[in-house]
Each structure stands twice: as structure tokens, then as C-alpha cells.
Amino acid sequence: MTAFLERGSEATNAKSLGIVVIGDDPDLEWTQLVLRDTQVRALELGYVVSELMPQLHMYHLDDAPDLRSCSLLFRRIEPGLMAKSSERLSSERRANFYGKLSPLRYQYVRDVSTLNRGNAPDHLYQLELVPEAKHE
């Protein structure tokens, strides 16, 4: 998560606000550790937490189908800590990108051009006609 925070921070100005949506489930220890590490890194980058909305969202991950998440609103208070440019992620950070021994494997997600560009592929939907209206 800190890599996402760092990249987002690089795109901001001196008086910026930023929001992070992050796992927040007290029953899952890893979410609390990531939440802590994200706040620590934000402080190092010159931000303070201006608002935290705990367990505000719920979304589905295959390995955590009932995962709760919070919204963290950050406000920059030290513009002198702004990054000058992006640095390449180290091998160690890529190897543990999504958690311990959960590596970053893909650099890009590219759109594949089709004949129906901008439309969902035909196999993802089915058209059903409106039934005829009954006349009384």
C-alpha cells in the first residue's frame, strides 16, 4: 500500500488532500498492520490524517469475501517533503508488494482492441425482449 501512497503523493501539490481506501477489519490482523504502516508513511511524506472513516465500505476479495475497509483522508502540512521524481521500486518491495511473498507481477494492464471497442463482449451479456403489453 505504501507504494500506491507514494505514487499518489508524487502527483499532488503543496496544499493537497488525498484519500486512501484501505482494508480495515479488526478481525484480520494484517489489515491493521497495513493501516498502521500507511499512516506512518503518510506522516513521513508530510501528511496528517485529517479524517478516518472506519469500516465504511465492504468489498469482496477471493481470500477475504467479507472484507471491510475504511477511508483515510490525508492533508499535506509539510510541502518540503514532496518527492522530486518517482524512483523505481526495489526488488524487495516488488517481491512483497501485496504482502509478504506476494509479488508484483504485472507492469501494465492493457486494453485489447476488439471490433466492438467500447462495448462489452457478446459472451458477457444476454438480451431479453420486453414482453408484449397486455391490453385490457
C-alpha atoms as a PDB file:
ATOM      1  CA  MET A   1       0.000   0.000   0.000  1.00  0.00           C
ATOM      2  CA  THR A   2       2.787   2.440   0.727  1.00  0.00           C
ATOM      3  CA  ALA A   3       3.921   2.288  -2.912  1.00  0.00           C
ATOM      4  CA  PHE A   4       0.450   3.438  -4.020  1.00  0.00           C
ATOM      5  CA  LEU A   5       0.522   6.197  -1.396  1.00  0.00           C
ATOM      6  CA  GLU A   6       3.973   7.337  -2.529  1.00  0.00           C
ATOM      7  CA  ARG A   7       2.996   7.422  -6.211  1.00  0.00           C
ATOM      8  CA  GLY A   8      -0.203   9.312  -5.445  1.00  0.00           C
ATOM      9  CA  SER A   9       1.728  11.776  -3.293  1.00  0.00           C
ATOM     10  CA  GLU A  10       4.105  12.478  -6.178  1.00  0.00           C
ATOM     11  CA  ALA A  11       1.163  13.697  -8.245  1.00  0.00           C
ATOM     12  CA  THR A  12       0.000  16.273  -5.685  1.00  0.00           C
ATOM     13  CA  ASN A  13       0.824  19.883  -4.935  1.00  0.00           C
ATOM     14  CA  ALA A  14       1.893  21.632  -1.728  1.00  0.00           C
ATOM     15  CA  LYS A  15      -1.620  22.109  -0.328  1.00  0.00           C
ATOM     16  CA  SER A  16      -3.113  18.811  -1.368  1.00  0.00           C
ATOM     17  CA  LEU A  17      -5.604  16.415   0.103  1.00  0.00           C
ATOM     18  CA  GLY A  18      -5.615  12.724  -0.665  1.00  0.00           C
ATOM     19  CA  ILE A  19      -7.867   9.823   0.185  1.00  0.00           C
ATOM     20  CA  VAL A  20      -6.908   6.195   0.576  1.00  0.00           C
ATOM     21  CA  VAL A  21      -9.392   3.332   0.770  1.00  0.00           C
ATOM     22  CA  ILE A  22      -7.739   0.505   2.660  1.00  0.00           C
ATOM     23  CA  GLY A  23      -8.667  -2.730   4.405  1.00  0.00           C
ATOM     24  CA  ASP A  24      -9.922  -2.176   7.953  1.00  0.00           C
ATOM     25  CA  ASP A  25     -11.215  -5.279   9.657  1.00  0.00           C
ATOM     26  CA  PRO A  26     -10.261  -5.682  13.350  1.00  0.00           C
ATOM     27  CA  ASP A  27     -10.654  -9.457  12.970  1.00  0.00           C
ATOM     28  CA  LEU A  28      -7.926  -9.549  10.285  1.00  0.00           C
ATOM     29  CA  GLU A  29      -4.604  -8.528  11.854  1.00  0.00           C
ATOM     30  CA  TRP A  30      -2.945  -7.852   8.512  1.00  0.00           C
ATOM     31  CA  THR A  31      -5.419  -5.050   7.757  1.00  0.00           C
ATOM     32  CA  GLN A  32      -4.488  -3.294  10.993  1.00  0.00           C
ATOM     33  CA  LEU A  33      -0.775  -3.594  10.239  1.00  0.00           C
ATOM     34  CA  VAL A  34      -1.238  -2.176   6.733  1.00  0.00           C
ATOM     35  CA  LEU A  35      -3.394   0.611   8.145  1.00  0.00           C
ATOM     36  CA  ARG A  36      -0.658   1.494  10.640  1.00  0.00           C
ATOM     37  CA  ASP A  37       2.133   1.340   8.061  1.00  0.00           C
ATOM     38  CA  THR A  38       0.173   3.546   5.657  1.00  0.00           C
ATOM     39  CA  GLN A  39      -0.373   6.206   8.308  1.00  0.00           C
ATOM     40  CA  VAL A  40       3.307   6.112   9.322  1.00  0.00           C
ATOM     41  CA  ARG A  41       4.418   6.518   5.704  1.00  0.00           C
ATOM     42  CA  ALA A  42       1.956   9.383   5.176  1.00  0.00           C
ATOM     43  CA  LEU A  43       3.488  11.196   8.163  1.00  0.00           C
ATOM     44  CA  GLU A  44       6.957  10.673   6.669  1.00  0.00           C
ATOM     45  CA  LEU A  45       5.717  12.209   3.404  1.00  0.00           C
ATOM     46  CA  GLY A  46       4.452  15.321   5.191  1.00  0.00           C
ATOM     47  CA  TYR A  47       0.771  14.454   5.629  1.00  0.00           C
ATOM     48  CA  VAL A  48      -1.509  14.182   8.639  1.00  0.00           C
ATOM     49  CA  VAL A  49      -4.674  12.142   8.881  1.00  0.00           C
ATOM     50  CA  SER A  50      -7.453  14.717   8.773  1.00  0.00           C
ATOM     51  CA  GLU A  51     -10.285  12.190   8.839  1.00  0.00           C
ATOM     52  CA  LEU A  52     -10.676   8.434   9.209  1.00  0.00           C
ATOM     53  CA  MET A  53     -13.983   6.725   8.470  1.00  0.00           C
ATOM     54  CA  PRO A  54     -13.546   3.204   9.878  1.00  0.00           C
ATOM     55  CA  GLN A  55     -15.145   0.163   8.283  1.00  0.00           C
ATOM     56  CA  LEU A  56     -17.101   2.386   5.904  1.00  0.00           C
ATOM     57  CA  HIS A  57     -17.038   0.068   2.875  1.00  0.00           C
ATOM     58  CA  MET A  58     -17.357  -3.627   2.203  1.00  0.00           C
ATOM     59  CA  TYR A  59     -15.904  -5.323  -0.845  1.00  0.00           C
ATOM     60  CA  HIS A  60     -15.131  -8.824  -1.972  1.00  0.00           C
ATOM     61  CA  LEU A  61     -11.696 -10.365  -2.317  1.00  0.00           C
ATOM     62  CA  ASP A  62     -11.397 -14.055  -3.147  1.00  0.00           C
ATOM     63  CA  ASP A  63      -9.437 -14.730   0.051  1.00  0.00           C
ATOM     64  CA  ALA A  64     -11.491 -12.294   2.208  1.00  0.00           C
ATOM     65  CA  PRO A  65     -15.077 -12.197   0.871  1.00  0.00           C
ATOM     66  CA  ASP A  66     -16.426 -10.040   3.749  1.00  0.00           C
ATOM     67  CA  LEU A  67     -13.532  -7.594   3.979  1.00  0.00           C
ATOM     68  CA  ARG A  68     -14.336  -4.185   5.459  1.00  0.00           C
ATOM     69  CA  SER A  69     -12.356  -1.082   4.522  1.00  0.00           C
ATOM     70  CA  CYS A  70     -12.016   2.480   5.714  1.00  0.00           C
ATOM     71  CA  SER A  71     -11.432   5.819   4.053  1.00  0.00           C
ATOM     72  CA  LEU A  72      -8.411   7.803   5.228  1.00  0.00           C
ATOM     73  CA  LEU A  73      -8.264  11.462   4.281  1.00  0.00           C
ATOM     74  CA  PHE A  74      -4.756  12.926   4.337  1.00  0.00           C
ATOM     75  CA  ARG A  75      -3.775  16.617   4.274  1.00  0.00           C
ATOM     76  CA  ARG A  76      -0.266  17.766   3.401  1.00  0.00           C
ATOM     77  CA  ILE A  77       1.261  20.013   6.068  1.00  0.00           C
ATOM     78  CA  GLU A  78       4.939  19.820   5.065  1.00  0.00           C
ATOM     79  CA  PRO A  79       5.338  20.641   1.364  1.00  0.00           C
ATOM     80  CA  GLY A  80       9.142  20.456   1.722  1.00  0.00           C
ATOM     81  CA  LEU A  81       8.859  16.657   1.887  1.00  0.00           C
ATOM     82  CA  MET A  82       7.393  16.388  -1.625  1.00  0.00           C
ATOM     83  CA  ALA A  83       9.161  13.906  -3.895  1.00  0.00           C
ATOM     84  CA  LYS A  84      11.072  15.360  -6.816  1.00  0.00           C
ATOM     85  CA  SER A  85      10.561  12.299  -9.024  1.00  0.00           C
ATOM     86  CA  SER A  86       9.469   8.679  -8.932  1.00  0.00           C
ATOM     87  CA  GLU A  87      12.035   6.072  -8.069  1.00  0.00           C
ATOM     88  CA  ARG A  88      11.927   2.526  -9.355  1.00  0.00           C
ATOM     89  CA  LEU A  89      10.636   0.044  -6.768  1.00  0.00           C
ATOM     90  CA  SER A  90      13.386  -2.125  -5.328  1.00  0.00           C
ATOM     91  CA  SER A  91      13.390  -5.889  -5.897  1.00  0.00           C
ATOM     92  CA  GLU A  92      12.433  -6.447  -2.256  1.00  0.00           C
ATOM     93  CA  ARG A  93       9.437  -4.085  -2.473  1.00  0.00           C
ATOM     94  CA  ARG A  94       8.247  -5.763  -5.691  1.00  0.00           C
ATOM     95  CA  ALA A  95       8.632  -9.216  -4.078  1.00  0.00           C
ATOM     96  CA  ASN A  96       6.379  -8.185  -1.162  1.00  0.00           C
ATOM     97  CA  PHE A  97       4.144  -5.715  -2.990  1.00  0.00           C
ATOM     98  CA  TYR A  98       0.802  -7.259  -1.938  1.00  0.00           C
ATOM     99  CA  GLY A  99       2.090  -8.592   1.405  1.00  0.00           C
ATOM    100  CA  LYS A 100       4.831 -10.942   2.486  1.00  0.00           C
ATOM    101  CA  LEU A 101       5.935 -13.024  -0.508  1.00  0.00           C
ATOM    102  CA  SER A 102       3.087 -11.684  -2.669  1.00  0.00           C
ATOM    103  CA  PRO A 103       4.961 -10.119  -5.571  1.00  0.00           C
ATOM    104  CA  LEU A 104       4.021  -7.507  -8.121  1.00  0.00           C
ATOM    105  CA  ARG A 105       3.971  -9.497 -11.367  1.00  0.00           C
ATOM    106  CA  TYR A 106       2.456  -7.191 -13.963  1.00  0.00           C
ATOM    107  CA  GLN A 107       3.655  -3.788 -15.066  1.00  0.00           C
ATOM    108  CA  TYR A 108       0.677  -2.826 -17.246  1.00  0.00           C
ATOM    109  CA  VAL A 109      -2.939  -3.729 -17.801  1.00  0.00           C
ATOM    110  CA  ARG A 110      -3.564  -3.019 -21.455  1.00  0.00           C
ATOM    111  CA  ASP A 111      -6.850  -2.712 -23.259  1.00  0.00           C
ATOM    112  CA  VAL A 112      -7.189  -5.292 -26.000  1.00  0.00           C
ATOM    113  CA  SER A 113      -8.765  -3.805 -29.104  1.00  0.00           C
ATOM    114  CA  THR A 114     -11.817  -5.569 -30.447  1.00  0.00           C
ATOM    115  CA  LEU A 115     -14.277  -4.907 -33.230  1.00  0.00           C
ATOM    116  CA  ASN A 116     -16.771  -3.757 -30.594  1.00  0.00           C
ATOM    117  CA  ARG A 117     -14.465  -1.232 -28.931  1.00  0.00           C
ATOM    118  CA  GLY A 118     -16.234   0.451 -26.011  1.00  0.00           C
ATOM    119  CA  ASN A 119     -18.836  -2.318 -25.772  1.00  0.00           C
ATOM    120  CA  ALA A 120     -18.917  -5.387 -23.570  1.00  0.00           C
ATOM    121  CA  PRO A 121     -18.074  -8.654 -25.357  1.00  0.00           C
ATOM    122  CA  ASP A 122     -21.159 -10.508 -26.551  1.00  0.00           C
ATOM    123  CA  HIS A 123     -20.498 -13.504 -24.275  1.00  0.00           C
ATOM    124  CA  LEU A 124     -20.840 -11.316 -21.149  1.00  0.00           C
ATOM    125  CA  TYR A 125     -24.475 -10.395 -21.615  1.00  0.00           C
ATOM    126  CA  GLN A 126     -27.779 -11.695 -22.943  1.00  0.00           C
ATOM    127  CA  LEU A 127     -30.529  -9.601 -24.495  1.00  0.00           C
ATOM    128  CA  GLU A 128     -34.077 -10.258 -23.348  1.00  0.00           C
ATOM    129  CA  LEU A 129     -37.002  -8.679 -25.154  1.00  0.00           C
ATOM    130  CA  VAL A 130     -39.684  -6.741 -23.282  1.00  0.00           C
ATOM    131  CA  PRO A 131     -42.874  -8.850 -23.101  1.00  0.00           C
ATOM    132  CA  GLU A 132     -45.775  -7.515 -25.109  1.00  0.00           C
ATOM    133  CA  ALA A 133     -48.050  -5.254 -23.043  1.00  0.00           C
ATOM    134  CA  LYS A 134     -51.459  -6.779 -22.340  1.00  0.00           C
ATOM    135  CA  HIS A 135     -54.400  -4.701 -23.462  1.00  0.00           C
ATOM    136  CA  GLU A 136     -57.360  -4.613 -21.104  1.00  0.00           C
END
